[in-house]
Amino acid sequence: MHTKKSWLALALVACFLGCKPQPPPPHTDGLPQDLLASAARFYDAYARDLRAGHGGALAQYYAPEGAFIAVAGHRMRLSRSSIDSIYQTSWQGPAYFAWDSLTFDSLSPSLVLVTGGFRW
């Protein structure tokens, strides 16, 4: 009888330890502390890679779902694989590139509107 109680107690302890909620993993995604500064750093990094002609790096700035691209007044939807292909094969870096009058406006704690232009 003593053995049955020991096994039962051991089983309850094992169940308790196995069923105990685990602490959540550390949160590494989410908003940076200063979203406006983060957006400015993003555009600075993009410009550096563009000027350096790093086509493979540029493709990484686009969303996995693809993007709308405007060229000569025409807007087109490109998949991420199309963007990757363009930057890694036929794309050539510009002789000159600079952002022109970029502004960063906080629309909400999780949304920044970036407007401006560029000189190419």
PDB file of N, CA and C in Angstrom:
ATOM      1  N   MET A   1       0.831  -1.187   0.000  1.00  0.00           N
ATOM      2  CA  MET A   1       0.000   0.000   0.000  1.00  0.00           C
ATOM      3  C   MET A   1       0.877   1.252   0.000  1.00  0.00           C
ATOM      4  N   HIS A   2       1.950   1.222   0.742  1.00  0.00           N
ATOM      5  CA  HIS A   2       2.862   2.364   0.823  1.00  0.00           C
ATOM      6  C   HIS A   2       3.463   2.639  -0.551  1.00  0.00           C
ATOM      7  N   THR A   3       3.738   1.589  -1.333  1.00  0.00           N
ATOM      8  CA  THR A   3       4.313   1.729  -2.660  1.00  0.00           C
ATOM      9  C   THR A   3       3.326   2.412  -3.594  1.00  0.00           C
ATOM     10  N   LYS A   4       2.037   2.051  -3.501  1.00  0.00           N
ATOM     11  CA  LYS A   4       1.024   2.682  -4.351  1.00  0.00           C
ATOM     12  C   LYS A   4       0.925   4.177  -4.059  1.00  0.00           C
ATOM     13  N   LYS A   5       0.978   4.547  -2.758  1.00  0.00           N
ATOM     14  CA  LYS A   5       0.904   5.958  -2.398  1.00  0.00           C
ATOM     15  C   LYS A   5       2.129   6.706  -2.924  1.00  0.00           C
ATOM     16  N   SER A   6       3.294   6.069  -2.858  1.00  0.00           N
ATOM     17  CA  SER A   6       4.517   6.710  -3.356  1.00  0.00           C
ATOM     18  C   SER A   6       4.423   6.949  -4.856  1.00  0.00           C
ATOM     19  N   TRP A   7       3.934   5.950  -5.574  1.00  0.00           N
ATOM     20  CA  TRP A   7       3.795   6.105  -7.024  1.00  0.00           C
ATOM     21  C   TRP A   7       2.765   7.171  -7.362  1.00  0.00           C
ATOM     22  N   LEU A   8       1.676   7.184  -6.612  1.00  0.00           N
ATOM     23  CA  LEU A   8       0.643   8.185  -6.844  1.00  0.00           C
ATOM     24  C   LEU A   8       1.195   9.584  -6.573  1.00  0.00           C
ATOM     25  N   ALA A   9       1.929   9.747  -5.487  1.00  0.00           N
ATOM     26  CA  ALA A   9       2.513  11.050  -5.171  1.00  0.00           C
ATOM     27  C   ALA A   9       3.519  11.453  -6.246  1.00  0.00           C
ATOM     28  N   LEU A  10       4.332  10.505  -6.688  1.00  0.00           N
ATOM     29  CA  LEU A  10       5.309  10.780  -7.731  1.00  0.00           C
ATOM     30  C   LEU A  10       4.613  11.170  -9.037  1.00  0.00           C
ATOM     31  N   ALA A  11       3.525  10.474  -9.366  1.00  0.00           N
ATOM     32  CA  ALA A  11       2.772  10.782 -10.585  1.00  0.00           C
ATOM     33  C   ALA A  11       2.158  12.176 -10.498  1.00  0.00           C
ATOM     34  N   LEU A  12       1.633  12.547  -9.321  1.00  0.00           N
ATOM     35  CA  LEU A  12       1.043  13.884  -9.163  1.00  0.00           C
ATOM     36  C   LEU A  12       2.107  14.978  -9.287  1.00  0.00           C
ATOM     37  N   VAL A  13       3.277  14.744  -8.718  1.00  0.00           N
ATOM     38  CA  VAL A  13       4.360  15.719  -8.827  1.00  0.00           C
ATOM     39  C   VAL A  13       4.802  15.845 -10.279  1.00  0.00           C
ATOM     40  N   ALA A  14       4.936  14.716 -10.970  1.00  0.00           N
ATOM     41  CA  ALA A  14       5.338  14.739 -12.376  1.00  0.00           C
ATOM     42  C   ALA A  14       4.300  15.471 -13.224  1.00  0.00           C
ATOM     43  N   CYS A  15       3.024  15.220 -12.936  1.00  0.00           N
ATOM     44  CA  CYS A  15       1.950  15.899 -13.672  1.00  0.00           C
ATOM     45  C   CYS A  15       2.000  17.397 -13.403  1.00  0.00           C
ATOM     46  N   PHE A  16       2.212  17.769 -12.137  1.00  0.00           N
ATOM     47  CA  PHE A  16       2.277  19.183 -11.790  1.00  0.00           C
ATOM     48  C   PHE A  16       3.434  19.867 -12.515  1.00  0.00           C
ATOM     49  N   LEU A  17       4.611  19.219 -12.507  1.00  0.00           N
ATOM     50  CA  LEU A  17       5.767  19.811 -13.167  1.00  0.00           C
ATOM     51  C   LEU A  17       5.586  19.872 -14.677  1.00  0.00           C
ATOM     52  N   GLY A  18       4.978  18.829 -15.248  1.00  0.00           N
ATOM     53  CA  GLY A  18       4.784  18.792 -16.691  1.00  0.00           C
ATOM     54  C   GLY A  18       3.678  19.723 -17.165  1.00  0.00           C
ATOM     55  N   CYS A  19       2.704  19.971 -16.303  1.00  0.00           N
ATOM     56  CA  CYS A  19       1.561  20.801 -16.699  1.00  0.00           C
ATOM     57  C   CYS A  19       1.740  22.261 -16.299  1.00  0.00           C
ATOM     58  N   LYS A  20       2.779  22.556 -15.563  1.00  0.00           N
ATOM     59  CA  LYS A  20       3.013  23.920 -15.117  1.00  0.00           C
ATOM     60  C   LYS A  20       3.224  24.822 -16.326  1.00  0.00           C
ATOM     61  N   PRO A  21       2.541  25.949 -16.384  1.00  0.00           N
ATOM     62  CA  PRO A  21       2.728  26.843 -17.528  1.00  0.00           C
ATOM     63  C   PRO A  21       4.177  27.306 -17.607  1.00  0.00           C
ATOM     64  N   GLN A  22       4.699  27.283 -18.811  1.00  0.00           N
ATOM     65  CA  GLN A  22       6.068  27.732 -19.039  1.00  0.00           C
ATOM     66  C   GLN A  22       6.069  29.239 -19.223  1.00  0.00           C
ATOM     67  N   PRO A  23       7.141  29.906 -18.784  1.00  0.00           N
ATOM     68  CA  PRO A  23       7.194  31.356 -19.012  1.00  0.00           C
ATOM     69  C   PRO A  23       7.252  31.636 -20.503  1.00  0.00           C
ATOM     70  N   PRO A  24       6.650  32.732 -20.933  1.00  0.00           N
ATOM     71  CA  PRO A  24       6.666  33.040 -22.367  1.00  0.00           C
ATOM     72  C   PRO A  24       8.092  33.320 -22.830  1.00  0.00           C
ATOM     73  N   PRO A  25       8.383  33.036 -24.101  1.00  0.00           N
ATOM     74  CA  PRO A  25       9.723  33.356 -24.611  1.00  0.00           C
ATOM     75  C   PRO A  25       9.919  34.859 -24.627  1.00  0.00           C
ATOM     76  N   PRO A  26      11.158  35.307 -24.574  1.00  0.00           N
ATOM     77  CA  PRO A  26      11.379  36.754 -24.612  1.00  0.00           C
ATOM     78  C   PRO A  26      10.815  37.355 -25.891  1.00  0.00           C
ATOM     79  N   HIS A  27      10.244  38.518 -25.766  1.00  0.00           N
ATOM     80  CA  HIS A  27       9.607  39.199 -26.902  1.00  0.00           C
ATOM     81  C   HIS A  27      10.664  39.972 -27.678  1.00  0.00           C
ATOM     82  N   THR A  28      10.912  39.527 -28.915  1.00  0.00           N
ATOM     83  CA  THR A  28      11.926  40.202 -29.725  1.00  0.00           C
ATOM     84  C   THR A  28      11.321  40.932 -30.914  1.00  0.00           C
ATOM     85  N   ASP A  29      10.082  40.643 -31.227  1.00  0.00           N
ATOM     86  CA  ASP A  29       9.420  41.359 -32.308  1.00  0.00           C
ATOM     87  C   ASP A  29       8.667  42.538 -31.716  1.00  0.00           C
ATOM     88  N   GLY A  30       8.169  43.344 -32.582  1.00  0.00           N
ATOM     89  CA  GLY A  30       7.372  44.460 -32.099  1.00  0.00           C
ATOM     90  C   GLY A  30       8.001  45.785 -32.473  1.00  0.00           C
ATOM     91  N   LEU A  31       7.436  46.806 -31.926  1.00  0.00           N
ATOM     92  CA  LEU A  31       7.845  48.161 -32.276  1.00  0.00           C
ATOM     93  C   LEU A  31       9.139  48.545 -31.580  1.00  0.00           C
ATOM     94  N   PRO A  32       9.991  49.257 -32.288  1.00  0.00           N
ATOM     95  CA  PRO A  32      11.190  49.784 -31.632  1.00  0.00           C
ATOM     96  C   PRO A  32      10.806  50.899 -30.671  1.00  0.00           C
ATOM     97  N   GLN A  33      11.716  51.241 -29.781  1.00  0.00           N
ATOM     98  CA  GLN A  33      11.453  52.305 -28.815  1.00  0.00           C
ATOM     99  C   GLN A  33      11.049  53.605 -29.497  1.00  0.00           C
ATOM    100  N   ASP A  34      11.763  53.988 -30.531  1.00  0.00           N
ATOM    101  CA  ASP A  34      11.478  55.237 -31.238  1.00  0.00           C
ATOM    102  C   ASP A  34      11.197  54.904 -32.699  1.00  0.00           C
ATOM    103  N   LEU A  35       9.931  54.787 -33.028  1.00  0.00           N
ATOM    104  CA  LEU A  35       9.520  54.354 -34.359  1.00  0.00           C
ATOM    105  C   LEU A  35       9.954  55.346 -35.440  1.00  0.00           C
ATOM    106  N   LEU A  36       9.893  56.639 -35.174  1.00  0.00           N
ATOM    107  CA  LEU A  36      10.312  57.628 -36.170  1.00  0.00           C
ATOM    108  C   LEU A  36      11.807  57.494 -36.472  1.00  0.00           C
ATOM    109  N   ALA A  37      12.623  57.336 -35.437  1.00  0.00           N
ATOM    110  CA  ALA A  37      14.068  57.167 -35.641  1.00  0.00           C
ATOM    111  C   ALA A  37      14.347  55.862 -36.376  1.00  0.00           C
ATOM    112  N   SER A  38      13.591  54.830 -36.075  1.00  0.00           N
ATOM    113  CA  SER A  38      13.766  53.545 -36.753  1.00  0.00           C
ATOM    114  C   SER A  38      13.444  53.669 -38.242  1.00  0.00           C
ATOM    115  N   ALA A  39      12.389  54.393 -38.566  1.00  0.00           N
ATOM    116  CA  ALA A  39      12.032  54.596 -39.973  1.00  0.00           C
ATOM    117  C   ALA A  39      13.125  55.384 -40.694  1.00  0.00           C
ATOM    118  N   ALA A  40      13.683  56.393 -40.046  1.00  0.00           N
ATOM    119  CA  ALA A  40      14.764  57.181 -40.651  1.00  0.00           C
ATOM    120  C   ALA A  40      15.988  56.302 -40.893  1.00  0.00           C
ATOM    121  N   ARG A  41      16.315  55.438 -39.928  1.00  0.00           N
ATOM    122  CA  ARG A  41      17.453  54.521 -40.105  1.00  0.00           C
ATOM    123  C   ARG A  41      17.208  53.557 -41.269  1.00  0.00           C
ATOM    124  N   PHE A  42      15.968  53.096 -41.424  1.00  0.00           N
ATOM    125  CA  PHE A  42      15.604  52.205 -42.524  1.00  0.00           C
ATOM    126  C   PHE A  42      15.881  52.881 -43.871  1.00  0.00           C
ATOM    127  N   TYR A  43      15.426  54.127 -44.020  1.00  0.00           N
ATOM    128  CA  TYR A  43      15.623  54.845 -45.283  1.00  0.00           C
ATOM    129  C   TYR A  43      17.098  55.180 -45.514  1.00  0.00           C
ATOM    130  N   ASP A  44      17.839  55.487 -44.454  1.00  0.00           N
ATOM    131  CA  ASP A  44      19.281  55.719 -44.589  1.00  0.00           C
ATOM    132  C   ASP A  44      19.996  54.453 -45.073  1.00  0.00           C
ATOM    133  N   ALA A  45      19.644  53.316 -44.496  1.00  0.00           N
ATOM    134  CA  ALA A  45      20.278  52.053 -44.882  1.00  0.00           C
ATOM    135  C   ALA A  45      19.934  51.693 -46.326  1.00  0.00           C
ATOM    136  N   TYR A  46      18.680  51.913 -46.707  1.00  0.00           N
ATOM    137  CA  TYR A  46      18.264  51.644 -48.084  1.00  0.00           C
ATOM    138  C   TYR A  46      19.086  52.495 -49.056  1.00  0.00           C
ATOM    139  N   ALA A  47      19.241  53.778 -48.744  1.00  0.00           N
ATOM    140  CA  ALA A  47      20.007  54.682 -49.611  1.00  0.00           C
ATOM    141  C   ALA A  47      21.467  54.238 -49.701  1.00  0.00           C
ATOM    142  N   ARG A  48      22.062  53.826 -48.583  1.00  0.00           N
ATOM    143  CA  ARG A  48      23.454  53.353 -48.608  1.00  0.00           C
ATOM    144  C   ARG A  48      23.608  52.142 -49.524  1.00  0.00           C
ATOM    145  N   ASP A  49      22.703  51.178 -49.398  1.00  0.00           N
ATOM    146  CA  ASP A  49      22.781  49.977 -50.239  1.00  0.00           C
ATOM    147  C   ASP A  49      22.517  50.316 -51.703  1.00  0.00           C
ATOM    148  N   LEU A  50      21.618  51.248 -51.949  1.00  0.00           N
ATOM    149  CA  LEU A  50      21.319  51.662 -53.322  1.00  0.00           C
ATOM    150  C   LEU A  50      22.539  52.322 -53.964  1.00  0.00           C
ATOM    151  N   ARG A  51      23.144  53.272 -53.251  1.00  0.00           N
ATOM    152  CA  ARG A  51      24.332  53.958 -53.772  1.00  0.00           C
ATOM    153  C   ARG A  51      25.481  52.985 -54.014  1.00  0.00           C
ATOM    154  N   ALA A  52      25.605  51.980 -53.161  1.00  0.00           N
ATOM    155  CA  ALA A  52      26.696  51.012 -53.273  1.00  0.00           C
ATOM    156  C   ALA A  52      26.412  49.951 -54.338  1.00  0.00           C
ATOM    157  N   GLY A  53      25.200  49.940 -54.877  1.00  0.00           N
ATOM    158  CA  GLY A  53      24.850  48.959 -55.906  1.00  0.00           C
ATOM    159  C   GLY A  53      24.642  47.556 -55.369  1.00  0.00           C
ATOM    160  N   HIS A  54      24.256  47.437 -54.098  1.00  0.00           N
ATOM    161  CA  HIS A  54      24.028  46.126 -53.474  1.00  0.00           C
ATOM    162  C   HIS A  54      22.611  45.628 -53.770  1.00  0.00           C
ATOM    163  N   GLY A  55      22.408  45.149 -54.979  1.00  0.00           N
ATOM    164  CA  GLY A  55      21.081  44.707 -55.394  1.00  0.00           C
ATOM    165  C   GLY A  55      20.506  43.615 -54.513  1.00  0.00           C
ATOM    166  N   GLY A  56      21.325  42.641 -54.142  1.00  0.00           N
ATOM    167  CA  GLY A  56      20.845  41.554 -53.282  1.00  0.00           C
ATOM    168  C   GLY A  56      20.365  42.060 -51.940  1.00  0.00           C
ATOM    169  N   ALA A  57      21.044  43.063 -51.402  1.00  0.00           N
ATOM    170  CA  ALA A  57      20.625  43.637 -50.124  1.00  0.00           C
ATOM    171  C   ALA A  57      19.341  44.438 -50.286  1.00  0.00           C
ATOM    172  N   LEU A  58      19.177  45.122 -51.406  1.00  0.00           N
ATOM    173  CA  LEU A  58      17.982  45.952 -51.612  1.00  0.00           C
ATOM    174  C   LEU A  58      16.702  45.131 -51.627  1.00  0.00           C
ATOM    175  N   ALA A  59      16.773  43.959 -52.201  1.00  0.00           N
ATOM    176  CA  ALA A  59      15.574  43.116 -52.264  1.00  0.00           C
ATOM    177  C   ALA A  59      15.047  42.794 -50.868  1.00  0.00           C
ATOM    178  N   GLN A  60      15.925  42.760 -49.879  1.00  0.00           N
ATOM    179  CA  GLN A  60      15.525  42.420 -48.517  1.00  0.00           C
ATOM    180  C   GLN A  60      14.698  43.514 -47.833  1.00  0.00           C
ATOM    181  N   TYR A  61      14.665  44.711 -48.397  1.00  0.00           N
ATOM    182  CA  TYR A  61      13.885  45.801 -47.807  1.00  0.00           C
ATOM    183  C   TYR A  61      12.394  45.680 -48.115  1.00  0.00           C
ATOM    184  N   TYR A  62      12.041  44.846 -49.060  1.00  0.00           N
ATOM    185  CA  TYR A  62      10.648  44.723 -49.486  1.00  0.00           C
ATOM    186  C   TYR A  62       9.927  43.642 -48.693  1.00  0.00           C
ATOM    187  N   ALA A  63       8.634  43.809 -48.548  1.00  0.00           N
ATOM    188  CA  ALA A  63       7.818  42.855 -47.800  1.00  0.00           C
ATOM    189  C   ALA A  63       7.792  41.502 -48.497  1.00  0.00           C
ATOM    190  N   PRO A  64       7.689  40.425 -47.731  1.00  0.00           N
ATOM    191  CA  PRO A  64       7.609  39.086 -48.336  1.00  0.00           C
ATOM    192  C   PRO A  64       6.418  38.945 -49.288  1.00  0.00           C
ATOM    193  N   GLU A  65       5.377  39.745 -49.082  1.00  0.00           N
ATOM    194  CA  GLU A  65       4.186  39.676 -49.932  1.00  0.00           C
ATOM    195  C   GLU A  65       4.376  40.412 -51.250  1.00  0.00           C
ATOM    196  N   GLY A  66       5.464  41.157 -51.396  1.00  0.00           N
ATOM    197  CA  GLY A  66       5.691  41.932 -52.612  1.00  0.00           C
ATOM    198  C   GLY A  66       5.419  43.400 -52.364  1.00  0.00           C
ATOM    199  N   ALA A  67       5.297  44.157 -53.453  1.00  0.00           N
ATOM    200  CA  ALA A  67       5.114  45.602 -53.316  1.00  0.00           C
ATOM    201  C   ALA A  67       4.506  46.187 -54.577  1.00  0.00           C
ATOM    202  N   PHE A  68       3.924  47.380 -54.426  1.00  0.00           N
ATOM    203  CA  PHE A  68       3.514  48.173 -55.578  1.00  0.00           C
ATOM    204  C   PHE A  68       4.702  49.051 -55.940  1.00  0.00           C
ATOM    205  N   ILE A  69       5.078  49.038 -57.194  1.00  0.00           N
ATOM    206  CA  ILE A  69       6.216  49.809 -57.681  1.00  0.00           C
ATOM    207  C   ILE A  69       5.692  50.804 -58.710  1.00  0.00           C
ATOM    208  N   ALA A  70       6.120  52.056 -58.607  1.00  0.00           N
ATOM    209  CA  ALA A  70       5.737  53.076 -59.578  1.00  0.00           C
ATOM    210  C   ALA A  70       6.966  53.432 -60.403  1.00  0.00           C
ATOM    211  N   VAL A  71       6.865  53.286 -61.717  1.00  0.00           N
ATOM    212  CA  VAL A  71       7.945  53.621 -62.634  1.00  0.00           C
ATOM    213  C   VAL A  71       7.345  54.433 -63.767  1.00  0.00           C
ATOM    214  N   ALA A  72       7.889  55.624 -63.972  1.00  0.00           N
ATOM    215  CA  ALA A  72       7.441  56.503 -65.048  1.00  0.00           C
ATOM    216  C   ALA A  72       5.927  56.710 -65.029  1.00  0.00           C
ATOM    217  N   GLY A  73       5.375  56.851 -63.826  1.00  0.00           N
ATOM    218  CA  GLY A  73       3.949  57.116 -63.690  1.00  0.00           C
ATOM    219  C   GLY A  73       3.050  55.892 -63.782  1.00  0.00           C
ATOM    220  N   HIS A  74       3.632  54.726 -63.965  1.00  0.00           N
ATOM    221  CA  HIS A  74       2.841  53.492 -64.040  1.00  0.00           C
ATOM    222  C   HIS A  74       3.071  52.672 -62.784  1.00  0.00           C
ATOM    223  N   ARG A  75       1.975  52.234 -62.175  1.00  0.00           N
ATOM    224  CA  ARG A  75       2.041  51.452 -60.953  1.00  0.00           C
ATOM    225  C   ARG A  75       1.832  49.985 -61.296  1.00  0.00           C
ATOM    226  N   MET A  76       2.676  49.127 -60.702  1.00  0.00           N
ATOM    227  CA  MET A  76       2.520  47.688 -60.919  1.00  0.00           C
ATOM    228  C   MET A  76       2.775  46.945 -59.616  1.00  0.00           C
ATOM    229  N   ARG A  77       2.113  45.824 -59.484  1.00  0.00           N
ATOM    230  CA  ARG A  77       2.307  44.966 -58.316  1.00  0.00           C
ATOM    231  C   ARG A  77       3.332  43.919 -58.679  1.00  0.00           C
ATOM    232  N   LEU A  78       4.384  43.809 -57.864  1.00  0.00           N
ATOM    233  CA  LEU A  78       5.413  42.803 -58.090  1.00  0.00           C
ATOM    234  C   LEU A  78       5.495  41.877 -56.889  1.00  0.00           C
ATOM    235  N   SER A  79       5.658  40.601 -57.156  1.00  0.00           N
ATOM    236  CA  SER A  79       5.856  39.639 -56.080  1.00  0.00           C
ATOM    237  C   SER A  79       7.267  39.799 -55.534  1.00  0.00           C
ATOM    238  N   ARG A  80       7.514  39.269 -54.363  1.00  0.00           N
ATOM    239  CA  ARG A  80       8.852  39.345 -53.787  1.00  0.00           C
ATOM    240  C   ARG A  80       9.862  38.607 -54.661  1.00  0.00           C
ATOM    241  N   SER A  81       9.454  37.484 -55.256  1.00  0.00           N
ATOM    242  CA  SER A  81      10.386  36.759 -56.122  1.00  0.00           C
ATOM    243  C   SER A  81      10.730  37.578 -57.367  1.00  0.00           C
ATOM    244  N   SER A  82       9.785  38.350 -57.886  1.00  0.00           N
ATOM    245  CA  SER A  82      10.075  39.230 -59.023  1.00  0.00           C
ATOM    246  C   SER A  82      11.044  40.336 -58.624  1.00  0.00           C
ATOM    247  N   ILE A  83      10.831  40.898 -57.448  1.00  0.00           N
ATOM    248  CA  ILE A  83      11.720  41.946 -56.948  1.00  0.00           C
ATOM    249  C   ILE A  83      13.125  41.381 -56.751  1.00  0.00           C
ATOM    250  N   ASP A  84      13.219  40.203 -56.146  1.00  0.00           N
ATOM    251  CA  ASP A  84      14.520  39.543 -55.962  1.00  0.00           C
ATOM    252  C   ASP A  84      15.217  39.356 -57.299  1.00  0.00           C
ATOM    253  N   SER A  85      14.475  38.872 -58.281  1.00  0.00           N
ATOM    254  CA  SER A  85      15.045  38.596 -59.600  1.00  0.00           C
ATOM    255  C   SER A  85      15.564  39.877 -60.261  1.00  0.00           C
ATOM    256  N   ILE A  86      14.794  40.949 -60.182  1.00  0.00           N
ATOM    257  CA  ILE A  86      15.209  42.219 -60.788  1.00  0.00           C
ATOM    258  C   ILE A  86      16.506  42.714 -60.151  1.00  0.00           C
ATOM    259  N   TYR A  87      16.534  42.760 -58.828  1.00  0.00           N
ATOM    260  CA  TYR A  87      17.706  43.306 -58.140  1.00  0.00           C
ATOM    261  C   TYR A  87      18.949  42.422 -58.284  1.00  0.00           C
ATOM    262  N   GLN A  88      18.757  41.129 -58.467  1.00  0.00           N
ATOM    263  CA  GLN A  88      19.914  40.244 -58.526  1.00  0.00           C
ATOM    264  C   GLN A  88      20.393  39.951 -59.940  1.00  0.00           C
ATOM    265  N   THR A  89      19.640  40.379 -60.963  1.00  0.00           N
ATOM    266  CA  THR A  89      20.065  40.071 -62.334  1.00  0.00           C
ATOM    267  C   THR A  89      20.245  41.334 -63.173  1.00  0.00           C
ATOM    268  N   SER A  90      19.170  41.989 -63.533  1.00  0.00           N
ATOM    269  CA  SER A  90      19.250  43.074 -64.516  1.00  0.00           C
ATOM    270  C   SER A  90      19.455  44.467 -63.920  1.00  0.00           C
ATOM    271  N   TRP A  91      19.323  44.632 -62.621  1.00  0.00           N
ATOM    272  CA  TRP A  91      19.387  45.955 -62.006  1.00  0.00           C
ATOM    273  C   TRP A  91      20.823  46.464 -61.950  1.00  0.00           C
ATOM    274  N   GLN A  92      20.976  47.748 -62.258  1.00  0.00           N
ATOM    275  CA  GLN A  92      22.268  48.420 -62.112  1.00  0.00           C
ATOM    276  C   GLN A  92      22.076  49.626 -61.212  1.00  0.00           C
ATOM    277  N   GLY A  93      22.987  49.816 -60.309  1.00  0.00           N
ATOM    278  CA  GLY A  93      22.894  50.938 -59.383  1.00  0.00           C
ATOM    279  C   GLY A  93      23.008  52.273 -60.095  1.00  0.00           C
ATOM    280  N   PRO A  94      22.443  53.309 -59.495  1.00  0.00           N
ATOM    281  CA  PRO A  94      22.491  54.633 -60.111  1.00  0.00           C
ATOM    282  C   PRO A  94      23.865  55.281 -59.942  1.00  0.00           C
ATOM    283  N   ALA A  95      24.155  56.226 -60.816  1.00  0.00           N
ATOM    284  CA  ALA A  95      25.385  57.010 -60.674  1.00  0.00           C
ATOM    285  C   ALA A  95      25.255  57.960 -59.485  1.00  0.00           C
ATOM    286  N   TYR A  96      24.028  58.350 -59.166  1.00  0.00           N
ATOM    287  CA  TYR A  96      23.778  59.269 -58.056  1.00  0.00           C
ATOM    288  C   TYR A  96      22.426  58.932 -57.459  1.00  0.00           C
ATOM    289  N   PHE A  97      22.314  59.052 -56.132  1.00  0.00           N
ATOM    290  CA  PHE A  97      21.024  58.880 -55.465  1.00  0.00           C
ATOM    291  C   PHE A  97      21.021  59.694 -54.184  1.00  0.00           C
ATOM    292  N   ALA A  98      19.910  60.391 -53.945  1.00  0.00           N
ATOM    293  CA  ALA A  98      19.711  61.102 -52.672  1.00  0.00           C
ATOM    294  C   ALA A  98      18.216  61.242 -52.420  1.00  0.00           C
ATOM    295  N   TRP A  99      17.827  61.072 -51.154  1.00  0.00           N
ATOM    296  CA  TRP A  99      16.450  61.362 -50.776  1.00  0.00           C
ATOM    297  C   TRP A  99      16.260  62.868 -50.840  1.00  0.00           C
ATOM    298  N   ASP A 100      15.055  63.302 -51.171  1.00  0.00           N
ATOM    299  CA  ASP A 100      14.740  64.721 -51.270  1.00  0.00           C
ATOM    300  C   ASP A 100      13.546  65.014 -50.374  1.00  0.00           C
ATOM    301  N   SER A 101      13.780  65.750 -49.324  1.00  0.00           N
ATOM    302  CA  SER A 101      12.715  66.235 -48.432  1.00  0.00           C
ATOM    303  C   SER A 101      11.872  65.115 -47.830  1.00  0.00           C
ATOM    304  N   LEU A 102      12.517  64.079 -47.305  1.00  0.00           N
ATOM    305  CA  LEU A 102      11.750  63.043 -46.620  1.00  0.00           C
ATOM    306  C   LEU A 102      11.200  63.597 -45.312  1.00  0.00           C
ATOM    307  N   THR A 103       9.940  63.304 -45.051  1.00  0.00           N
ATOM    308  CA  THR A 103       9.338  63.656 -43.763  1.00  0.00           C
ATOM    309  C   THR A 103       8.773  62.390 -43.149  1.00  0.00           C
ATOM    310  N   PHE A 104       8.847  62.309 -41.834  1.00  0.00           N
ATOM    311  CA  PHE A 104       8.379  61.150 -41.083  1.00  0.00           C
ATOM    312  C   PHE A 104       7.312  61.634 -40.108  1.00  0.00           C
ATOM    313  N   ASP A 105       6.086  61.180 -40.314  1.00  0.00           N
ATOM    314  CA  ASP A 105       4.975  61.599 -39.466  1.00  0.00           C
ATOM    315  C   ASP A 105       4.397  60.389 -38.753  1.00  0.00           C
ATOM    316  N   SER A 106       4.299  60.489 -37.437  1.00  0.00           N
ATOM    317  CA  SER A 106       3.724  59.420 -36.636  1.00  0.00           C
ATOM    318  C   SER A 106       2.195  59.502 -36.714  1.00  0.00           C
ATOM    319  N   LEU A 107       1.570  58.470 -37.265  1.00  0.00           N
ATOM    320  CA  LEU A 107       0.107  58.441 -37.370  1.00  0.00           C
ATOM    321  C   LEU A 107      -0.525  57.721 -36.187  1.00  0.00           C
ATOM    322  N   SER A 108       0.223  56.820 -35.594  1.00  0.00           N
ATOM    323  CA  SER A 108      -0.218  56.086 -34.408  1.00  0.00           C
ATOM    324  C   SER A 108       1.048  55.506 -33.776  1.00  0.00           C
ATOM    325  N   PRO A 109       0.934  54.884 -32.613  1.00  0.00           N
ATOM    326  CA  PRO A 109       2.131  54.299 -32.002  1.00  0.00           C
ATOM    327  C   PRO A 109       2.789  53.220 -32.859  1.00  0.00           C
ATOM    328  N   SER A 110       2.053  52.692 -33.839  1.00  0.00           N
ATOM    329  CA  SER A 110       2.625  51.612 -34.659  1.00  0.00           C
ATOM    330  C   SER A 110       2.698  51.939 -36.150  1.00  0.00           C
ATOM    331  N   LEU A 111       2.496  53.218 -36.509  1.00  0.00           N
ATOM    332  CA  LEU A 111       2.432  53.562 -37.927  1.00  0.00           C
ATOM    333  C   LEU A 111       3.117  54.897 -38.202  1.00  0.00           C
ATOM    334  N   VAL A 112       4.032  54.875 -39.176  1.00  0.00           N
ATOM    335  CA  VAL A 112       4.728  56.084 -39.600  1.00  0.00           C
ATOM    336  C   VAL A 112       4.448  56.294 -41.082  1.00  0.00           C
ATOM    337  N   LEU A 113       4.083  57.507 -41.440  1.00  0.00           N
ATOM    338  CA  LEU A 113       3.890  57.874 -42.831  1.00  0.00           C
ATOM    339  C   LEU A 113       5.158  58.591 -43.290  1.00  0.00           C
ATOM    340  N   VAL A 114       5.761  58.069 -44.359  1.00  0.00           N
ATOM    341  CA  VAL A 114       6.976  58.659 -44.916  1.00  0.00           C
ATOM    342  C   VAL A 114       6.631  59.222 -46.288  1.00  0.00           C
ATOM    343  N   THR A 115       6.896  60.508 -46.479  1.00  0.00           N
ATOM    344  CA  THR A 115       6.650  61.137 -47.764  1.00  0.00           C
ATOM    345  C   THR A 115       7.916  61.865 -48.206  1.00  0.00           C
ATOM    346  N   GLY A 116       8.023  62.089 -49.482  1.00  0.00           N
ATOM    347  CA  GLY A 116       9.173  62.791 -50.030  1.00  0.00           C
ATOM    348  C   GLY A 116       9.482  62.246 -51.401  1.00  0.00           C
ATOM    349  N   GLY A 117      10.644  62.571 -51.843  1.00  0.00           N
ATOM    350  CA  GLY A 117      11.054  62.116 -53.159  1.00  0.00           C
ATOM    351  C   GLY A 117      12.513  61.710 -53.137  1.00  0.00           C
ATOM    352  N   PHE A 118      13.054  61.539 -54.328  1.00  0.00           N
ATOM    353  CA  PHE A 118      14.466  61.218 -54.437  1.00  0.00           C
ATOM    354  C   PHE A 118      14.999  61.761 -55.746  1.00  0.00           C
ATOM    355  N   ARG A 119      16.291  61.964 -55.779  1.00  0.00           N
ATOM    356  CA  ARG A 119      16.979  62.355 -56.997  1.00  0.00           C
ATOM    357  C   ARG A 119      17.847  61.188 -57.412  1.00  0.00           C
ATOM    358  N   TRP A 120      17.758  60.830 -58.680  1.00  0.00           N
ATOM    359  CA  TRP A 120      18.422  59.642 -59.212  1.00  0.00           C
ATOM    360  C   TRP A 120      19.318  60.051 -60.344  1.00  0.00           C
TER     361      TRP A 120
END
